[in-house]
N, C-alpha and C. Protein backbone atom coordinates (compact mmCIF):
# COMPACT_ATOMS: atom_id res chain seq x y z
N UNK A 1 82.72 103.59 96.40
CA UNK A 1 84.01 103.99 97.13
C UNK A 1 83.96 104.01 98.82
N UNK A 2 84.18 102.89 98.83
CA UNK A 2 84.64 102.71 100.96
C UNK A 2 85.34 103.53 101.87
N UNK A 3 85.14 103.50 102.48
CA UNK A 3 84.95 105.31 103.74
C UNK A 3 86.10 105.38 104.32
N UNK A 4 87.65 105.08 104.65
CA UNK A 4 88.11 105.00 106.05
C UNK A 4 88.26 105.81 107.11
N UNK A 5 87.95 105.31 108.44
CA UNK A 5 87.52 106.10 109.50
C UNK A 5 88.62 106.45 110.66
N UNK A 6 88.84 107.60 110.87
CA UNK A 6 89.55 108.03 111.30
C UNK A 6 89.72 108.36 112.70
N UNK A 7 90.11 107.65 113.93
CA UNK A 7 90.20 109.34 114.88
C UNK A 7 91.45 109.85 115.37
N UNK A 8 92.03 110.51 114.98
CA UNK A 8 92.96 110.82 114.90
C UNK A 8 93.22 111.96 113.64
N UNK A 9 93.93 113.33 113.60
CA UNK A 9 94.05 113.71 112.93
C UNK A 9 94.39 113.29 110.99
N UNK A 10 94.75 112.66 111.11
CA UNK A 10 95.66 112.50 109.97
C UNK A 10 96.39 110.58 109.90
N UNK A 11 96.15 110.29 109.11
CA UNK A 11 96.32 108.63 108.00
C UNK A 11 97.79 108.30 107.35
N UNK A 12 98.93 108.26 107.47
CA UNK A 12 99.22 107.95 106.29
C UNK A 12 99.59 107.90 105.21
N UNK A 13 99.65 107.21 103.68
CA UNK A 13 99.84 106.64 102.96
C UNK A 13 100.02 105.09 103.45
N UNK A 14 101.18 104.76 104.08
CA UNK A 14 101.52 103.88 104.51
C UNK A 14 100.26 102.84 105.31
N UNK A 15 99.89 103.36 106.11
CA UNK A 15 99.06 103.16 107.21
C UNK A 15 97.96 102.50 105.81
N UNK A 16 97.21 103.37 105.62
CA UNK A 16 96.35 102.73 104.92
C UNK A 16 96.31 101.61 103.82
N UNK A 17 97.78 101.78 103.36
CA UNK A 17 97.86 100.53 102.33
C UNK A 17 97.85 99.37 103.03
N UNK A 18 98.52 99.36 103.90
CA UNK A 18 98.30 98.11 105.55
C UNK A 18 97.11 97.92 105.88
N UNK A 19 95.71 98.98 106.08
CA UNK A 19 94.98 99.03 107.23
C UNK A 19 93.83 97.79 105.90
N UNK A 20 94.44 98.58 103.86
CA UNK A 20 92.75 98.42 103.05
C UNK A 20 93.58 97.09 102.41
N UNK A 21 94.52 96.45 102.75
CA UNK A 21 95.57 94.93 102.80
C UNK A 21 96.02 94.97 101.30
N UNK A 22 96.26 95.98 100.78
CA UNK A 22 97.08 96.00 100.15
C UNK A 22 98.19 95.64 100.19
N UNK A 23 99.37 96.00 101.14
CA UNK A 23 100.01 95.20 101.25
C UNK A 23 100.67 94.80 103.12
N UNK A 24 101.15 93.79 103.31
CA UNK A 24 101.45 93.36 104.20
C UNK A 24 102.06 93.55 105.51
N UNK A 25 102.59 94.55 105.44
CA UNK A 25 103.51 94.60 106.51
C UNK A 25 104.31 96.49 105.73
N UNK A 26 103.90 97.14 107.24
CA UNK A 26 104.74 98.55 106.26
C UNK A 26 106.13 98.84 105.89
N UNK A 27 106.32 97.46 105.90
CA UNK A 27 108.15 97.84 105.26
C UNK A 27 107.09 98.14 103.81
N UNK A 28 106.63 97.08 103.20
CA UNK A 28 105.98 96.94 101.83
C UNK A 28 105.59 98.04 101.64
N UNK A 29 105.64 99.32 102.14
CA UNK A 29 105.00 100.66 101.37
C UNK A 29 105.76 101.00 100.07
N UNK A 30 107.26 101.13 100.22
CA UNK A 30 108.02 102.27 99.28
C UNK A 30 107.91 101.57 98.05
N UNK A 31 108.12 99.83 98.19
CA UNK A 31 108.14 98.97 97.15
C UNK A 31 106.77 98.88 96.71
N UNK A 32 105.86 98.73 97.34
CA UNK A 32 103.77 99.13 96.54
C UNK A 32 104.02 100.89 96.01
N UNK A 33 104.82 101.87 96.35
CA UNK A 33 103.88 103.04 96.09
C UNK A 33 105.50 102.84 94.83
N UNK A 34 106.61 101.88 94.16
CA UNK A 34 107.31 102.31 93.02
C UNK A 34 107.07 101.43 91.93
N UNK A 35 105.85 100.73 92.64
CA UNK A 35 105.65 99.35 90.89
C UNK A 35 103.96 100.28 90.74
N UNK A 36 103.16 100.44 91.65
CA UNK A 36 101.56 100.55 90.95
C UNK A 36 101.26 102.12 91.91
N UNK A 37 100.43 102.88 90.54
CA UNK A 37 99.90 103.89 90.67
C UNK A 37 99.26 104.22 91.83
N UNK A 38 99.27 104.86 92.57
CA UNK A 38 97.91 105.19 93.96
C UNK A 38 97.55 107.02 93.43
N UNK A 39 96.36 107.14 93.07
CA UNK A 39 96.27 108.70 93.51
C UNK A 39 96.08 109.29 94.75
N UNK A 40 96.51 110.38 95.07
CA UNK A 40 95.75 111.25 96.53
C UNK A 40 94.77 112.46 95.97
N UNK A 41 93.61 113.01 95.63
CA UNK A 41 93.07 113.72 95.32
C UNK A 41 93.01 114.11 93.81
N UNK A 42 93.36 112.59 92.92
CA UNK A 42 94.17 112.16 91.73
C UNK A 42 94.61 113.30 91.32
N UNK A 43 96.47 113.45 92.27
CA UNK A 43 97.69 113.35 91.81
C UNK A 43 97.76 111.92 92.13
N UNK A 44 98.92 111.75 90.87
CA UNK A 44 99.98 111.18 91.38
C UNK A 44 100.56 110.78 92.70
N UNK A 45 100.91 109.58 93.34
CA UNK A 45 101.17 110.14 95.21
C UNK A 45 102.77 109.28 95.44
N UNK A 46 103.85 109.32 95.90
CA UNK A 46 104.37 107.63 96.21
C UNK A 46 105.41 108.05 97.57
N UNK A 47 105.03 109.18 98.06
CA UNK A 47 105.67 109.39 99.98
C UNK A 47 104.92 108.23 100.43
N UNK A 48 105.26 106.93 100.88
CA UNK A 48 104.09 106.64 102.08
C UNK A 48 103.90 107.61 103.63
N UNK A 49 104.22 108.33 103.85
CA UNK A 49 104.89 108.84 104.46
C UNK A 49 103.64 110.17 104.51
N UNK A 50 103.02 109.84 103.49
CA UNK A 50 101.82 111.14 103.32
C UNK A 50 100.31 111.27 104.25
N UNK A 51 100.18 112.52 104.05
CA UNK A 51 99.60 112.42 105.94
C UNK A 51 98.07 112.56 104.73
N UNK A 52 96.91 111.57 104.67
CA UNK A 52 95.84 111.47 104.73
C UNK A 52 94.71 112.08 105.03
N UNK A 53 94.03 113.03 105.09
CA UNK A 53 92.84 113.95 105.81
C UNK A 53 92.07 113.96 106.24
N UNK A 54 90.51 114.08 107.00
CA UNK A 54 89.64 114.22 106.21
C UNK A 54 88.95 114.15 105.18
N UNK A 55 88.11 114.29 104.24
CA UNK A 55 87.61 114.14 102.98
C UNK A 55 88.86 113.70 101.88
N UNK A 56 90.37 113.54 101.97
CA UNK A 56 91.00 112.59 100.86
C UNK A 56 90.20 111.60 100.89
N UNK A 57 90.38 111.55 98.96
CA UNK A 57 90.17 110.32 98.28
C UNK A 57 91.43 110.06 97.76
N UNK A 58 91.46 108.59 97.79
CA UNK A 58 92.59 107.42 97.11
C UNK A 58 91.82 106.76 96.68
N UNK A 59 92.97 106.76 95.29
CA UNK A 59 92.23 105.73 94.02
C UNK A 59 93.73 104.72 94.33
N UNK A 60 93.25 103.47 94.24
CA UNK A 60 93.87 102.05 93.94
C UNK A 60 94.32 101.54 92.43
N UNK A 61 95.29 101.36 91.90
CA UNK A 61 95.63 100.89 90.56
C UNK A 61 94.67 99.53 90.35
N UNK A 62 94.38 98.53 91.40
CA UNK A 62 93.42 97.92 91.53
C UNK A 62 91.41 98.51 91.34
N UNK A 63 91.39 99.37 91.13
CA UNK A 63 90.21 100.04 91.05
C UNK A 63 89.39 100.18 91.87
N UNK A 64 90.36 100.11 93.42
CA UNK A 64 89.25 100.45 94.99
C UNK A 64 89.70 101.48 94.75
N UNK A 65 88.35 102.27 95.20
CA UNK A 65 88.34 103.54 95.98
C UNK A 65 88.38 104.30 97.34
N UNK A 66 89.25 104.84 98.18
CA UNK A 66 88.84 104.80 99.66
C UNK A 66 88.97 106.32 99.59
N UNK A 67 87.52 107.29 100.90
CA UNK A 67 87.85 108.33 101.17
C UNK A 67 87.94 108.05 102.71
N UNK A 68 88.66 108.81 103.54
CA UNK A 68 88.81 109.11 104.42
C UNK A 68 88.03 110.25 105.67
N UNK A 69 87.22 109.42 106.30
CA UNK A 69 85.94 110.32 107.03
C UNK A 69 86.63 109.92 108.69
N UNK A 70 85.47 110.68 109.80
CA UNK A 70 85.81 110.93 110.86
C UNK A 70 85.24 109.35 111.52
N UNK A 71 85.38 108.92 112.22
CA UNK A 71 85.65 107.81 113.18
C UNK A 71 83.72 108.78 114.22
N UNK A 72 82.65 108.34 113.91
CA UNK A 72 82.21 109.08 115.00
C UNK A 72 80.95 108.58 116.20
């Protein structure tokens, strides 16, 4: 499980997808979420604006798993 460290209160699902290289631009997030299964805390999620906070776990269809953590 890879950790995504954030300095802010939250990061959106669309921003996370771009940061981890699943998509090239933020505009691709809506398409990606309609074509691929993304789980947030073991629940299917298709909203690109979903706020991810520290402790949230995100599973992508390609088998990668990420956890939101604080930047120390």
